[in-house]
Amino acid sequence: MKKQSIIVLEECAELQLKKSNDYQNPHSRIRQADYYPRGAASILDIIQAKVLRMYSVIEAMESDPDYVPNFESIEDSGKDLINYSSFLVAWCRGGIDGQDTNRDFLNRSK
């Protein structure tokens, strides 16, 4: 039996591929690196914002047992966190589409 955590990672990979087709498709001039003007710091900003939104939803659910998120569930947000974490690691390795090899992990000129 496959571990549930491995199943989640596989789901995240599939989601990442689908979203990348929307956000960095071959017909667009936008590359993934364009989303991270401060490099790793930009990705951490996105992760922090995602975590804050998750706390907000959880607090709403704690105070109102009938509360249901309108758009993104905690599970959906958790998958986004996994994917953004993978972007952070990929960025540190210089492996993000459009990343300039003449810049460091904070996107500063070398």
N, C-alpha and C. Protein backbone atom coordinates (compact mmCIF):
# COMPACT_ATOMS: atom_id res chain seq x y z
N MET A 1 0.84 -1.18 0.00
CA MET A 1 0.00 0.00 0.00
C MET A 1 0.88 1.25 0.00
N LYS A 2 0.58 2.17 -0.90
CA LYS A 2 1.36 3.40 -1.03
C LYS A 2 1.01 4.35 0.12
N LYS A 3 2.03 4.99 0.67
CA LYS A 3 1.83 5.98 1.72
C LYS A 3 0.98 7.14 1.21
N GLN A 4 0.09 7.62 2.06
CA GLN A 4 -0.77 8.75 1.68
C GLN A 4 0.07 9.97 1.33
N SER A 5 1.18 10.18 2.04
CA SER A 5 2.02 11.36 1.77
C SER A 5 2.63 11.29 0.36
N ILE A 6 2.93 10.10 -0.12
CA ILE A 6 3.46 9.94 -1.48
C ILE A 6 2.35 10.22 -2.49
N ILE A 7 1.15 9.79 -2.19
CA ILE A 7 0.00 10.08 -3.06
C ILE A 7 -0.20 11.59 -3.16
N VAL A 8 -0.08 12.28 -2.03
CA VAL A 8 -0.22 13.74 -2.02
C VAL A 8 0.84 14.38 -2.90
N LEU A 9 2.09 13.93 -2.77
CA LEU A 9 3.16 14.49 -3.60
C LEU A 9 2.89 14.28 -5.09
N GLU A 10 2.37 13.11 -5.44
CA GLU A 10 2.02 12.84 -6.84
C GLU A 10 0.91 13.78 -7.31
N GLU A 11 -0.08 14.01 -6.45
CA GLU A 11 -1.16 14.94 -6.78
C GLU A 11 -0.61 16.36 -6.97
N CYS A 12 0.34 16.73 -6.11
CA CYS A 12 0.95 18.06 -6.22
C CYS A 12 1.71 18.21 -7.52
N ALA A 13 2.43 17.19 -7.92
CA ALA A 13 3.17 17.23 -9.19
C ALA A 13 2.20 17.40 -10.35
N GLU A 14 1.11 16.66 -10.32
CA GLU A 14 0.11 16.77 -11.39
C GLU A 14 -0.50 18.18 -11.41
N LEU A 15 -0.83 18.71 -10.24
CA LEU A 15 -1.39 20.05 -10.14
C LEU A 15 -0.40 21.09 -10.65
N GLN A 16 0.87 20.93 -10.29
CA GLN A 16 1.90 21.86 -10.72
C GLN A 16 2.00 21.88 -12.25
N LEU A 17 1.96 20.74 -12.87
CA LEU A 17 2.03 20.68 -14.33
C LEU A 17 0.82 21.35 -14.97
N LYS A 18 -0.36 21.11 -14.42
CA LYS A 18 -1.57 21.73 -14.97
C LYS A 18 -1.52 23.25 -14.83
N LYS A 19 -1.14 23.73 -13.64
CA LYS A 19 -1.09 25.18 -13.42
C LYS A 19 -0.01 25.82 -14.27
N SER A 20 1.12 25.14 -14.45
CA SER A 20 2.19 25.74 -15.25
C SER A 20 1.76 25.91 -16.70
N ASN A 21 0.88 25.05 -17.16
CA ASN A 21 0.35 25.21 -18.52
C ASN A 21 -0.51 26.46 -18.63
N ASP A 22 -1.17 26.84 -17.53
CA ASP A 22 -1.97 28.06 -17.52
C ASP A 22 -1.10 29.30 -17.39
N TYR A 23 -0.12 29.26 -16.47
CA TYR A 23 0.63 30.46 -16.09
C TYR A 23 1.91 30.68 -16.88
N GLN A 24 2.50 29.64 -17.41
CA GLN A 24 3.71 29.80 -18.22
C GLN A 24 3.60 28.95 -19.48
N ASN A 25 2.54 29.16 -20.19
CA ASN A 25 2.35 28.35 -21.39
C ASN A 25 3.24 28.84 -22.52
N PRO A 26 3.48 27.99 -23.50
CA PRO A 26 4.40 28.34 -24.59
C PRO A 26 3.98 29.57 -25.40
N HIS A 27 2.72 29.97 -25.31
CA HIS A 27 2.23 31.11 -26.09
C HIS A 27 2.34 32.42 -25.33
N SER A 28 2.91 32.36 -24.11
CA SER A 28 3.05 33.55 -23.28
C SER A 28 4.51 33.95 -23.17
N ARG A 29 4.76 35.23 -23.05
CA ARG A 29 6.13 35.72 -22.86
C ARG A 29 6.55 35.59 -21.39
N ILE A 30 5.59 35.30 -20.50
CA ILE A 30 5.86 35.21 -19.06
C ILE A 30 6.52 33.89 -18.74
N ARG A 31 7.65 33.95 -18.06
CA ARG A 31 8.35 32.76 -17.59
C ARG A 31 8.16 32.67 -16.07
N GLN A 32 8.34 31.52 -15.53
CA GLN A 32 8.11 31.34 -14.10
C GLN A 32 8.99 32.28 -13.26
N ALA A 33 10.22 32.50 -13.66
CA ALA A 33 11.13 33.36 -12.90
C ALA A 33 10.61 34.79 -12.78
N ASP A 34 9.76 35.22 -13.72
CA ASP A 34 9.21 36.57 -13.67
C ASP A 34 8.37 36.82 -12.42
N TYR A 35 7.85 35.77 -11.82
CA TYR A 35 7.03 35.90 -10.63
C TYR A 35 7.87 36.17 -9.38
N TYR A 36 9.19 36.01 -9.47
CA TYR A 36 10.04 36.08 -8.30
C TYR A 36 11.13 37.14 -8.46
N PRO A 37 10.77 38.42 -8.47
CA PRO A 37 11.76 39.47 -8.71
C PRO A 37 12.87 39.54 -7.65
N ARG A 38 12.57 39.05 -6.44
CA ARG A 38 13.60 39.02 -5.39
C ARG A 38 14.08 37.61 -5.13
N GLY A 39 13.91 36.76 -6.12
CA GLY A 39 14.39 35.39 -6.02
C GLY A 39 13.73 34.62 -4.89
N ALA A 40 14.56 33.95 -4.09
CA ALA A 40 14.06 33.11 -2.99
C ALA A 40 13.20 33.92 -2.03
N ALA A 41 13.53 35.19 -1.83
CA ALA A 41 12.74 36.03 -0.91
C ALA A 41 11.31 36.20 -1.43
N SER A 42 11.14 36.33 -2.74
CA SER A 42 9.79 36.45 -3.31
C SER A 42 8.99 35.17 -3.10
N ILE A 43 9.65 34.04 -3.26
CA ILE A 43 8.95 32.77 -3.06
C ILE A 43 8.55 32.62 -1.60
N LEU A 44 9.43 33.02 -0.69
CA LEU A 44 9.08 32.98 0.74
C LEU A 44 7.93 33.92 1.07
N ASP A 45 7.87 35.07 0.40
CA ASP A 45 6.74 35.99 0.59
C ASP A 45 5.43 35.30 0.20
N ILE A 46 5.45 34.59 -0.91
CA ILE A 46 4.26 33.88 -1.37
C ILE A 46 3.87 32.79 -0.37
N ILE A 47 4.87 32.05 0.12
CA ILE A 47 4.62 30.99 1.10
C ILE A 47 4.02 31.60 2.38
N GLN A 48 4.60 32.71 2.84
CA GLN A 48 4.09 33.34 4.05
C GLN A 48 2.64 33.81 3.87
N ALA A 49 2.34 34.40 2.73
CA ALA A 49 0.97 34.84 2.47
C ALA A 49 0.01 33.66 2.46
N LYS A 50 0.44 32.55 1.86
CA LYS A 50 -0.39 31.34 1.82
C LYS A 50 -0.65 30.83 3.23
N VAL A 51 0.39 30.80 4.07
CA VAL A 51 0.24 30.33 5.45
C VAL A 51 -0.72 31.26 6.22
N LEU A 52 -0.58 32.57 6.04
CA LEU A 52 -1.48 33.51 6.72
C LEU A 52 -2.92 33.30 6.30
N ARG A 53 -3.15 33.07 5.01
CA ARG A 53 -4.52 32.81 4.55
C ARG A 53 -5.06 31.52 5.16
N MET A 54 -4.19 30.51 5.29
CA MET A 54 -4.61 29.24 5.90
C MET A 54 -4.99 29.45 7.37
N TYR A 55 -4.19 30.24 8.10
CA TYR A 55 -4.53 30.54 9.49
C TYR A 55 -5.87 31.26 9.57
N SER A 56 -6.10 32.19 8.66
CA SER A 56 -7.35 32.94 8.66
C SER A 56 -8.54 32.01 8.47
N VAL A 57 -8.43 31.08 7.52
CA VAL A 57 -9.51 30.13 7.27
C VAL A 57 -9.71 29.21 8.48
N ILE A 58 -8.61 28.72 9.05
CA ILE A 58 -8.72 27.83 10.21
C ILE A 58 -9.36 28.56 11.39
N GLU A 59 -8.96 29.81 11.61
CA GLU A 59 -9.57 30.58 12.70
C GLU A 59 -11.06 30.78 12.47
N ALA A 60 -11.45 31.02 11.23
CA ALA A 60 -12.88 31.14 10.91
C ALA A 60 -13.59 29.82 11.20
N MET A 61 -12.96 28.71 10.85
CA MET A 61 -13.57 27.39 11.08
C MET A 61 -13.65 27.06 12.58
N GLU A 62 -12.65 27.51 13.34
CA GLU A 62 -12.66 27.27 14.78
C GLU A 62 -13.78 28.04 15.47
N SER A 63 -14.05 29.25 15.00
CA SER A 63 -15.07 30.08 15.65
C SER A 63 -16.48 29.82 15.12
N ASP A 64 -16.57 29.19 13.96
CA ASP A 64 -17.88 28.90 13.37
C ASP A 64 -17.86 27.50 12.78
N PRO A 65 -18.43 26.52 13.50
CA PRO A 65 -18.39 25.13 13.03
C PRO A 65 -19.05 24.91 11.66
N ASP A 66 -19.88 25.85 11.23
CA ASP A 66 -20.55 25.72 9.94
C ASP A 66 -19.81 26.43 8.81
N TYR A 67 -18.71 27.07 9.14
CA TYR A 67 -17.96 27.82 8.13
C TYR A 67 -17.35 26.87 7.10
N VAL A 68 -17.54 27.21 5.85
CA VAL A 68 -16.94 26.45 4.75
C VAL A 68 -16.22 27.47 3.86
N PRO A 69 -14.93 27.25 3.57
CA PRO A 69 -14.21 28.19 2.70
C PRO A 69 -14.91 28.32 1.35
N ASN A 70 -14.93 29.52 0.81
CA ASN A 70 -15.59 29.77 -0.46
C ASN A 70 -14.79 29.28 -1.66
N PHE A 71 -13.47 29.37 -1.58
CA PHE A 71 -12.68 29.06 -2.76
C PHE A 71 -11.65 27.97 -2.53
N GLU A 72 -10.75 28.17 -1.59
CA GLU A 72 -9.63 27.24 -1.41
C GLU A 72 -9.71 26.55 -0.06
N SER A 73 -9.75 25.24 -0.10
CA SER A 73 -9.75 24.47 1.15
C SER A 73 -8.36 24.46 1.76
N ILE A 74 -8.28 24.04 3.00
CA ILE A 74 -6.98 23.88 3.66
C ILE A 74 -6.14 22.87 2.87
N GLU A 75 -6.77 21.83 2.38
CA GLU A 75 -6.05 20.83 1.59
C GLU A 75 -5.47 21.45 0.31
N ASP A 76 -6.27 22.24 -0.39
CA ASP A 76 -5.78 22.91 -1.61
C ASP A 76 -4.59 23.82 -1.28
N SER A 77 -4.72 24.56 -0.19
CA SER A 77 -3.64 25.47 0.21
C SER A 77 -2.39 24.69 0.61
N GLY A 78 -2.58 23.55 1.26
CA GLY A 78 -1.44 22.70 1.62
C GLY A 78 -0.71 22.21 0.38
N LYS A 79 -1.45 21.86 -0.64
CA LYS A 79 -0.82 21.44 -1.89
C LYS A 79 -0.05 22.59 -2.52
N ASP A 80 -0.61 23.79 -2.45
CA ASP A 80 0.11 24.95 -2.97
C ASP A 80 1.41 25.17 -2.20
N LEU A 81 1.37 24.99 -0.88
CA LEU A 81 2.59 25.14 -0.08
C LEU A 81 3.67 24.14 -0.51
N ILE A 82 3.25 22.92 -0.74
CA ILE A 82 4.21 21.91 -1.21
C ILE A 82 4.82 22.35 -2.53
N ASN A 83 3.99 22.82 -3.44
CA ASN A 83 4.51 23.23 -4.75
C ASN A 83 5.41 24.46 -4.65
N TYR A 84 5.02 25.46 -3.84
CA TYR A 84 5.88 26.63 -3.68
C TYR A 84 7.19 26.25 -3.00
N SER A 85 7.16 25.30 -2.09
CA SER A 85 8.40 24.82 -1.48
C SER A 85 9.30 24.17 -2.52
N SER A 86 8.70 23.44 -3.45
CA SER A 86 9.51 22.83 -4.51
C SER A 86 10.08 23.91 -5.43
N PHE A 87 9.34 25.02 -5.63
CA PHE A 87 9.86 26.12 -6.43
C PHE A 87 11.06 26.76 -5.73
N LEU A 88 10.98 26.88 -4.41
CA LEU A 88 12.08 27.45 -3.64
C LEU A 88 13.35 26.62 -3.82
N VAL A 89 13.21 25.32 -3.69
CA VAL A 89 14.37 24.43 -3.85
C VAL A 89 14.89 24.50 -5.29
N ALA A 90 13.99 24.47 -6.25
CA ALA A 90 14.39 24.55 -7.66
C ALA A 90 15.10 25.87 -7.94
N TRP A 91 14.59 26.96 -7.36
CA TRP A 91 15.23 28.27 -7.55
C TRP A 91 16.65 28.25 -7.00
N CYS A 92 16.82 27.71 -5.80
CA CYS A 92 18.15 27.64 -5.19
C CYS A 92 19.11 26.81 -6.03
N ARG A 93 18.59 25.88 -6.81
CA ARG A 93 19.41 25.05 -7.70
C ARG A 93 19.59 25.67 -9.07
N GLY A 94 18.94 26.83 -9.30
CA GLY A 94 19.04 27.48 -10.60
C GLY A 94 18.18 26.83 -11.67
N GLY A 95 17.12 26.15 -11.26
CA GLY A 95 16.34 25.37 -12.19
C GLY A 95 14.95 25.86 -12.52
N ILE A 96 14.69 27.15 -12.34
CA ILE A 96 13.38 27.71 -12.67
C ILE A 96 13.43 28.30 -14.07
N ASP A 97 12.40 28.02 -14.85
CA ASP A 97 12.31 28.53 -16.22
C ASP A 97 12.44 30.05 -16.23
N GLY A 98 13.40 30.54 -16.99
CA GLY A 98 13.62 31.98 -17.12
C GLY A 98 14.59 32.55 -16.11
N GLN A 99 15.10 31.72 -15.21
CA GLN A 99 16.03 32.19 -14.19
C GLN A 99 17.36 32.57 -14.84
N ASP A 100 17.90 33.71 -14.46
CA ASP A 100 19.15 34.24 -15.02
C ASP A 100 20.33 33.66 -14.26
N THR A 101 21.19 32.97 -14.96
CA THR A 101 22.36 32.34 -14.32
C THR A 101 23.38 33.37 -13.85
N ASN A 102 23.22 34.63 -14.26
CA ASN A 102 24.12 35.69 -13.82
C ASN A 102 23.64 36.35 -12.53
N ARG A 103 22.62 35.75 -11.92
CA ARG A 103 22.08 36.29 -10.67
C ARG A 103 22.12 35.22 -9.60
N ASP A 104 22.19 35.67 -8.34
CA ASP A 104 22.25 34.72 -7.23
C ASP A 104 20.84 34.31 -6.79
N PHE A 105 20.74 33.59 -5.66
CA PHE A 105 19.45 33.05 -5.24
C PHE A 105 18.47 34.14 -4.79
N LEU A 106 18.98 35.36 -4.54
CA LEU A 106 18.11 36.49 -4.22
C LEU A 106 17.88 37.38 -5.43
N ASN A 107 18.29 36.88 -6.59
CA ASN A 107 18.14 37.56 -7.88
C ASN A 107 18.98 38.82 -7.99
N ARG A 108 20.06 38.86 -7.25
CA ARG A 108 21.01 39.98 -7.34
C ARG A 108 22.08 39.62 -8.37
N SER A 109 22.59 40.64 -9.06
CA SER A 109 23.69 40.40 -10.01
C SER A 109 24.87 39.79 -9.28
N LYS A 110 25.50 38.80 -9.92
CA LYS A 110 26.67 38.17 -9.32
C LYS A 110 27.90 39.02 -9.54
